[in-house]
């Protein structure tokens, strides 16, 4: 028992996941926004009519997310899967960044308390929290020259929401540009493998969808609410987001903070230039800021004046 109480399971994972599970229990009967629609389309994807899953141009979710939702179907079970999954992924990613268990615990509890896990479920868009965390993980692996694993993770993130492809910017944190290109090629192959069956075997109209610019957005101030915003403009938006991420990746290559600031730059530019605005969009920013807070906690002891003095004096004999 004593060994168990000293284990990471008792000191880290349980203290974070138990509150997340309690919230999921309370949320399981609430209106979960677009999740019902995604479950319905996921059921179609897993049926004989799978080829026409994306015949509806309004469907902008990725096939990986749809398959998962369609397989589970039960909203109560999805509440636990999503809320526990988001909390666990955050704690795992923080571990890959080298944070202590104490720092991971603090950030994990802050994530649950600030609503990251709750909003990921009740609005029905968990990818908004999950995809940025996968980008950070891909950035860690890219820096370790595990570019194929990093590219695969970014590609799979696009299987949740297609904008996950923008995570390609973190591959530039690889030791060499040629290695980043190798990771990007695998990412493209993963995305193509997920979407090609629907385009070849059925009706694929994801790229036919057009949004209307809404009030309260930057674009609404420029072109006015109601203007059409189709996929050509989405590509322009994506290009600017990638340009911001790329510039920061080269500027901060040697900084540990590049692992969250590069994805944050991509996310912020994408959100600022988006034609519509929903509360759940900002889960991307919240998830990345939590990662940044974790890195600050990691560095904090070394920045304290007392610790600087000890290092300056050196070992005492």
Protein backbone atom coordinates (compact mmCIF):
# COMPACT_ATOMS: atom_id res chain seq x y z
CA UNK A 1 0.00 0.00 0.00
CA UNK A 2 2.83 2.38 0.87
CA UNK A 3 4.44 1.79 -2.53
CA UNK A 4 1.13 2.47 -4.24
CA UNK A 5 0.64 5.75 -2.37
CA UNK A 6 4.08 6.84 -3.58
CA UNK A 7 3.45 5.82 -7.19
CA UNK A 8 2.65 8.25 -10.04
CA UNK A 9 -0.78 6.62 -10.28
CA UNK A 10 -1.67 7.75 -6.75
CA UNK A 11 0.21 11.04 -6.73
CA UNK A 12 -0.46 12.30 -10.26
CA UNK A 13 -2.93 10.43 -12.41
CA UNK A 14 -5.67 9.74 -9.86
CA UNK A 15 -5.76 13.31 -8.44
CA UNK A 16 -6.24 14.69 -11.97
CA UNK A 17 -8.50 12.04 -13.49
CA UNK A 18 -10.88 11.66 -10.54
CA UNK A 19 -12.06 15.31 -10.70
CA UNK A 20 -12.27 15.01 -14.49
CA UNK A 21 -14.41 11.88 -14.09
CA UNK A 22 -16.63 13.67 -11.57
CA UNK A 23 -17.24 16.46 -14.07
CA UNK A 24 -17.96 13.92 -16.80
CA UNK A 25 -20.52 12.27 -14.53
CA UNK A 26 -22.28 15.61 -14.08
CA UNK A 27 -22.04 16.42 -17.80
CA UNK A 28 -23.22 13.08 -19.14
CA UNK A 29 -26.86 14.16 -19.49
CA UNK A 30 -26.29 17.68 -20.80
CA UNK A 31 -26.81 18.95 -24.33
CA UNK A 32 -23.52 18.23 -26.07
CA UNK A 33 -23.88 20.57 -29.03
CA UNK A 34 -22.76 19.17 -32.37
CA UNK A 35 -21.74 15.85 -30.85
CA UNK A 36 -25.10 14.23 -31.67
CA UNK A 37 -24.64 15.15 -35.34
CA UNK A 38 -21.11 13.76 -35.34
CA UNK A 39 -22.31 10.51 -33.75
CA UNK A 40 -24.97 10.18 -36.44
CA UNK A 41 -22.43 10.72 -39.23
CA UNK A 42 -20.04 8.34 -37.49
CA UNK A 43 -22.71 5.65 -37.53
CA UNK A 44 -23.06 6.22 -41.27
CA UNK A 45 -19.30 5.96 -41.72
CA UNK A 46 -19.36 2.54 -40.04
CA UNK A 47 -22.30 1.35 -42.14
CA UNK A 48 -22.70 0.13 -45.70
CA UNK A 49 -23.24 3.72 -46.83
CA UNK A 50 -19.81 4.85 -45.60
CA UNK A 51 -18.68 6.12 -48.99
CA UNK A 52 -21.19 8.98 -48.91
CA UNK A 53 -20.45 10.12 -45.37
CA UNK A 54 -19.01 13.38 -46.68
CA UNK A 55 -21.75 14.01 -49.23
CA UNK A 56 -23.05 16.67 -46.84
CA UNK A 57 -20.81 19.73 -47.35
CA UNK A 58 -21.59 20.97 -43.84
CA UNK A 59 -19.65 18.05 -42.38
CA UNK A 60 -16.17 19.38 -41.59
CA UNK A 61 -15.14 16.79 -39.01
CA UNK A 62 -12.38 14.31 -39.79
CA UNK A 63 -13.05 10.60 -40.41
CA UNK A 64 -11.04 9.44 -37.40
CA UNK A 65 -13.18 11.45 -35.00
CA UNK A 66 -16.39 10.30 -36.71
CA UNK A 67 -15.36 6.65 -36.55
CA UNK A 68 -14.64 6.92 -32.83
CA UNK A 69 -17.93 8.66 -32.07
CA UNK A 70 -19.89 6.27 -34.26
CA UNK A 71 -18.34 3.24 -32.60
CA UNK A 72 -19.15 4.39 -29.06
CA UNK A 73 -22.47 6.14 -29.83
CA UNK A 74 -23.54 6.52 -26.20
CA UNK A 75 -23.24 10.16 -25.12
CA UNK A 76 -22.72 9.24 -21.48
CA UNK A 77 -19.75 7.06 -22.39
CA UNK A 78 -18.42 9.79 -24.67
CA UNK A 79 -18.55 12.26 -21.79
CA UNK A 80 -16.12 10.10 -19.82
CA UNK A 81 -13.96 9.27 -22.84
CA UNK A 82 -13.60 12.89 -23.93
CA UNK A 83 -13.13 14.53 -20.54
CA UNK A 84 -10.78 11.87 -19.16
CA UNK A 85 -8.99 11.66 -22.49
CA UNK A 86 -8.28 15.39 -22.68
CA UNK A 87 -6.98 15.47 -19.09
CA UNK A 88 -4.83 12.36 -19.60
CA UNK A 89 -3.38 13.64 -22.88
CA UNK A 90 -2.40 16.94 -21.28
CA UNK A 91 -0.67 15.19 -18.36
CA UNK A 92 1.09 12.82 -20.77
CA UNK A 93 2.34 15.63 -23.02
CA UNK A 94 3.63 17.57 -20.01
CA UNK A 95 5.59 14.47 -19.06
CA UNK A 96 7.21 14.35 -22.49
CA UNK A 97 8.28 17.96 -21.89
CA UNK A 98 10.19 16.85 -18.80
CA UNK A 99 7.95 18.40 -16.15
CA UNK A 100 8.00 17.00 -12.64
CA UNK A 101 4.96 15.10 -11.37
CA UNK A 102 4.18 18.01 -9.06
CA UNK A 103 4.10 20.50 -11.94
CA UNK A 104 2.05 18.12 -14.08
CA UNK A 105 -0.41 17.71 -11.22
CA UNK A 106 -0.77 21.48 -10.80
CA UNK A 107 -1.38 22.08 -14.50
CA UNK A 108 -3.70 19.09 -14.80
CA UNK A 109 -5.87 20.30 -11.92
CA UNK A 110 -5.86 23.81 -13.39
CA UNK A 111 -7.07 22.40 -16.71
CA UNK A 112 -9.99 20.64 -15.07
CA UNK A 113 -10.83 23.65 -12.88
CA UNK A 114 -10.70 26.08 -15.81
CA UNK A 115 -13.16 24.02 -17.86
CA UNK A 116 -10.89 22.58 -20.54
CA UNK A 117 -12.29 19.07 -20.20
CA UNK A 118 -15.86 20.21 -19.51
CA UNK A 119 -16.11 22.48 -22.56
CA UNK A 120 -14.46 19.90 -24.81
CA UNK A 121 -17.50 17.68 -24.23
CA UNK A 122 -20.48 19.98 -23.71
CA UNK A 123 -19.86 21.92 -26.93
CA UNK A 124 -19.22 18.71 -28.85
CA UNK A 125 -15.84 19.71 -30.30
CA UNK A 126 -13.13 17.88 -28.32
CA UNK A 127 -10.65 18.20 -31.18
CA UNK A 128 -10.24 21.88 -30.31
CA UNK A 129 -8.44 20.80 -27.13
CA UNK A 130 -6.85 17.58 -28.40
CA UNK A 131 -5.30 18.70 -31.70
CA UNK A 132 -3.05 21.43 -30.21
CA UNK A 133 -1.77 18.97 -27.61
CA UNK A 134 -0.95 16.50 -30.39
CA UNK A 135 0.95 19.29 -32.15
CA UNK A 136 3.05 19.85 -29.02
CA UNK A 137 3.78 16.12 -28.82
CA UNK A 138 4.75 16.12 -32.49
CA UNK A 139 7.06 19.07 -31.84
CA UNK A 140 8.79 17.16 -29.04
CA UNK A 141 9.35 14.18 -31.31
CA UNK A 142 10.48 16.38 -34.21
CA UNK A 143 13.17 17.89 -31.97
CA UNK A 144 14.30 14.39 -31.07
CA UNK A 145 14.60 13.66 -34.82
CA UNK A 146 11.67 11.25 -34.65
CA UNK A 147 10.21 13.04 -37.64
CA UNK A 148 8.19 10.14 -39.02
CA UNK A 149 6.38 9.68 -35.72
CA UNK A 150 5.86 13.45 -35.54
CA UNK A 151 4.50 13.60 -39.08
CA UNK A 152 2.16 10.69 -38.40
CA UNK A 153 0.78 12.40 -35.29
CA UNK A 154 0.12 15.65 -37.15
CA UNK A 155 -1.53 13.67 -39.95
CA UNK A 156 -3.73 11.81 -37.48
CA UNK A 157 -4.71 15.10 -35.85
CA UNK A 158 -6.22 16.07 -39.21
CA UNK A 159 -8.35 12.95 -38.90
CA UNK A 160 -10.05 14.67 -35.97
CA UNK A 161 -10.47 18.07 -37.62
CA UNK A 162 -8.98 18.88 -41.02
CA UNK A 163 -7.29 22.04 -39.76
CA UNK A 164 -4.96 19.69 -37.89
CA UNK A 165 -2.78 19.75 -41.03
CA UNK A 166 -1.58 23.19 -39.92
CA UNK A 167 0.51 21.43 -37.28
CA UNK A 168 3.07 20.85 -40.03
CA UNK A 169 4.75 24.00 -38.71
CA UNK A 170 6.05 22.15 -35.63
CA UNK A 171 7.97 19.74 -37.88
CA UNK A 172 10.32 22.64 -38.59
CA UNK A 173 11.69 22.13 -35.09
CA UNK A 174 13.50 19.05 -36.42
CA UNK A 175 17.33 19.22 -36.40
CA UNK A 176 17.50 19.58 -40.19
CA UNK A 177 15.12 20.94 -42.79
CA UNK A 178 15.38 17.77 -44.88
CA UNK A 179 14.14 15.78 -41.89
CA UNK A 180 11.21 18.16 -41.50
CA UNK A 181 10.32 17.58 -45.15
CA UNK A 182 10.35 13.81 -44.58
CA UNK A 183 7.91 14.22 -41.70
CA UNK A 184 5.69 16.49 -43.78
CA UNK A 185 5.59 13.93 -46.60
CA UNK A 186 4.41 11.23 -44.20
CA UNK A 187 1.83 13.63 -42.77
CA UNK A 188 0.46 14.27 -46.26
CA UNK A 189 0.34 10.53 -46.94
CA UNK A 190 -1.62 9.89 -43.73
CA UNK A 191 -4.17 12.60 -44.56
CA UNK A 192 -4.53 11.35 -48.12
CA UNK A 193 -5.02 7.77 -46.91
CA UNK A 194 -7.86 8.90 -44.64
CA UNK A 195 -9.72 11.02 -47.20
CA UNK A 196 -9.02 9.26 -50.51
CA UNK A 197 -11.43 6.33 -49.98
CA UNK A 198 -14.36 8.73 -49.62
CA UNK A 199 -13.33 10.78 -52.65
CA UNK A 200 -12.83 7.68 -54.82
CA UNK A 201 -15.75 5.52 -53.72
CA UNK A 202 -18.49 8.04 -53.00
CA UNK A 203 -19.56 11.66 -53.06
CA UNK A 204 -17.06 13.91 -51.28
CA UNK A 205 -18.28 17.48 -50.86
CA UNK A 206 -16.38 18.71 -47.81
CA UNK A 207 -14.68 21.39 -49.90
CA UNK A 208 -17.96 22.68 -51.34
CA UNK A 209 -19.01 24.26 -48.07
CA UNK A 210 -19.17 28.04 -47.75
CA UNK A 211 -19.32 29.95 -44.52
CA UNK A 212 -20.97 33.31 -43.92
CA UNK A 213 -18.89 35.92 -42.12
CA UNK A 214 -20.52 36.68 -38.78
CA UNK A 215 -20.54 39.82 -36.68
CA UNK A 216 -18.06 39.97 -33.83
CA UNK A 217 -15.18 38.72 -35.99
CA UNK A 218 -12.25 40.64 -37.46
CA UNK A 219 -13.42 39.74 -40.96
CA UNK A 220 -16.87 41.03 -40.06
CA UNK A 221 -15.32 44.45 -39.41
CA UNK A 222 -13.49 44.37 -42.75
CA UNK A 223 -15.95 42.88 -45.25
CA UNK A 224 -19.14 43.05 -43.21
CA UNK A 225 -21.34 40.27 -41.82
CA UNK A 226 -22.90 37.94 -44.37
CA UNK A 227 -20.03 37.87 -46.86
CA UNK A 228 -19.27 34.47 -48.39
CA UNK A 229 -16.13 32.65 -47.24
CA UNK A 230 -15.32 29.50 -49.17
CA UNK A 231 -12.41 27.10 -49.29
CA UNK A 232 -10.18 29.32 -51.47
CA UNK A 233 -10.25 31.86 -48.63
CA UNK A 234 -9.72 29.02 -46.15
CA UNK A 235 -6.47 28.25 -47.99
CA UNK A 236 -5.41 31.89 -47.71
CA UNK A 237 -6.24 31.83 -44.00
CA UNK A 238 -4.22 28.63 -43.58
CA UNK A 239 -1.26 30.10 -45.47
CA UNK A 240 -1.09 33.10 -43.15
CA UNK A 241 -1.38 30.87 -40.08
CA UNK A 242 1.43 28.66 -41.37
CA UNK A 243 3.56 31.70 -42.18
CA UNK A 244 3.25 32.87 -38.57
CA UNK A 245 4.11 29.43 -37.22
CA UNK A 246 7.03 29.00 -39.62
CA UNK A 247 8.53 32.38 -38.72
CA UNK A 248 8.33 31.59 -35.02
CA UNK A 249 9.75 28.09 -35.53
CA UNK A 250 12.89 29.53 -37.11
CA UNK A 251 13.14 32.37 -34.58
CA UNK A 252 12.77 30.13 -31.51
CA UNK A 253 14.44 26.93 -32.69
CA UNK A 254 16.65 26.67 -29.61
CA UNK A 255 13.99 27.62 -27.06
CA UNK A 256 11.91 25.03 -25.24
CA UNK A 257 9.01 27.47 -25.47
CA UNK A 258 8.88 27.02 -29.24
CA UNK A 259 7.01 23.78 -28.54
CA UNK A 260 3.93 25.70 -27.46
CA UNK A 261 4.49 29.14 -28.98
CA UNK A 262 4.70 27.84 -32.57
CA UNK A 263 1.33 26.03 -32.30
CA UNK A 264 -0.08 29.07 -30.48
CA UNK A 265 0.93 31.39 -33.32
CA UNK A 266 -0.76 29.09 -35.83
CA UNK A 267 -3.90 28.84 -33.72
CA UNK A 268 -4.19 32.56 -33.00
CA UNK A 269 -3.79 33.64 -36.62
CA UNK A 270 -6.30 31.01 -37.70
CA UNK A 271 -8.81 32.14 -35.09
CA UNK A 272 -8.37 35.86 -35.75
CA UNK A 273 -8.95 35.33 -39.48
CA UNK A 274 -11.86 32.91 -39.07
CA UNK A 275 -15.19 33.98 -40.58
CA UNK A 276 -17.15 32.67 -37.59
CA UNK A 277 -16.52 32.70 -33.87
CA UNK A 278 -17.57 30.10 -31.33
CA UNK A 279 -16.57 29.79 -27.69
CA UNK A 280 -15.07 26.34 -28.14
CA UNK A 281 -12.53 27.67 -30.67
CA UNK A 282 -10.56 29.13 -27.78
CA UNK A 283 -9.94 25.70 -26.30
CA UNK A 284 -6.96 25.62 -28.67
CA UNK A 285 -5.46 28.65 -26.99
CA UNK A 286 -6.31 27.44 -23.48
CA UNK A 287 -4.67 24.05 -24.03
CA UNK A 288 -1.48 25.63 -25.35
CA UNK A 289 -1.31 28.28 -22.62
CA UNK A 290 -1.59 25.50 -20.04
CA UNK A 291 1.40 23.79 -21.65
CA UNK A 292 3.28 27.08 -21.55
CA UNK A 293 2.40 27.51 -17.88
CA UNK A 294 3.82 24.07 -17.23
CA UNK A 295 7.13 24.99 -18.87
CA UNK A 296 7.29 28.18 -16.81
CA UNK A 297 6.76 26.12 -13.64
CA UNK A 298 9.56 23.83 -14.77
CA UNK A 299 11.97 26.75 -15.20
CA UNK A 300 10.87 28.72 -12.14
CA UNK A 301 13.18 27.11 -9.53
CA UNK A 302 16.27 27.82 -11.62
CA UNK A 303 15.28 31.48 -11.90
CA UNK A 304 14.95 32.10 -8.17
CA UNK A 305 17.70 34.38 -6.78
CA UNK A 306 18.81 31.81 -4.20
CA UNK A 307 19.37 29.15 -6.83
CA UNK A 308 21.27 31.57 -9.04
CA UNK A 309 23.56 32.37 -6.13
CA UNK A 310 24.24 28.68 -5.47
CA UNK A 311 25.16 28.11 -9.11
CA UNK A 312 27.39 31.18 -9.13
CA UNK A 313 29.30 30.05 -6.04
CA UNK A 314 29.71 26.55 -7.40
CA UNK A 315 30.25 23.39 -5.33
CA UNK A 316 31.60 23.94 -1.86
CA UNK A 317 34.38 21.67 -0.50
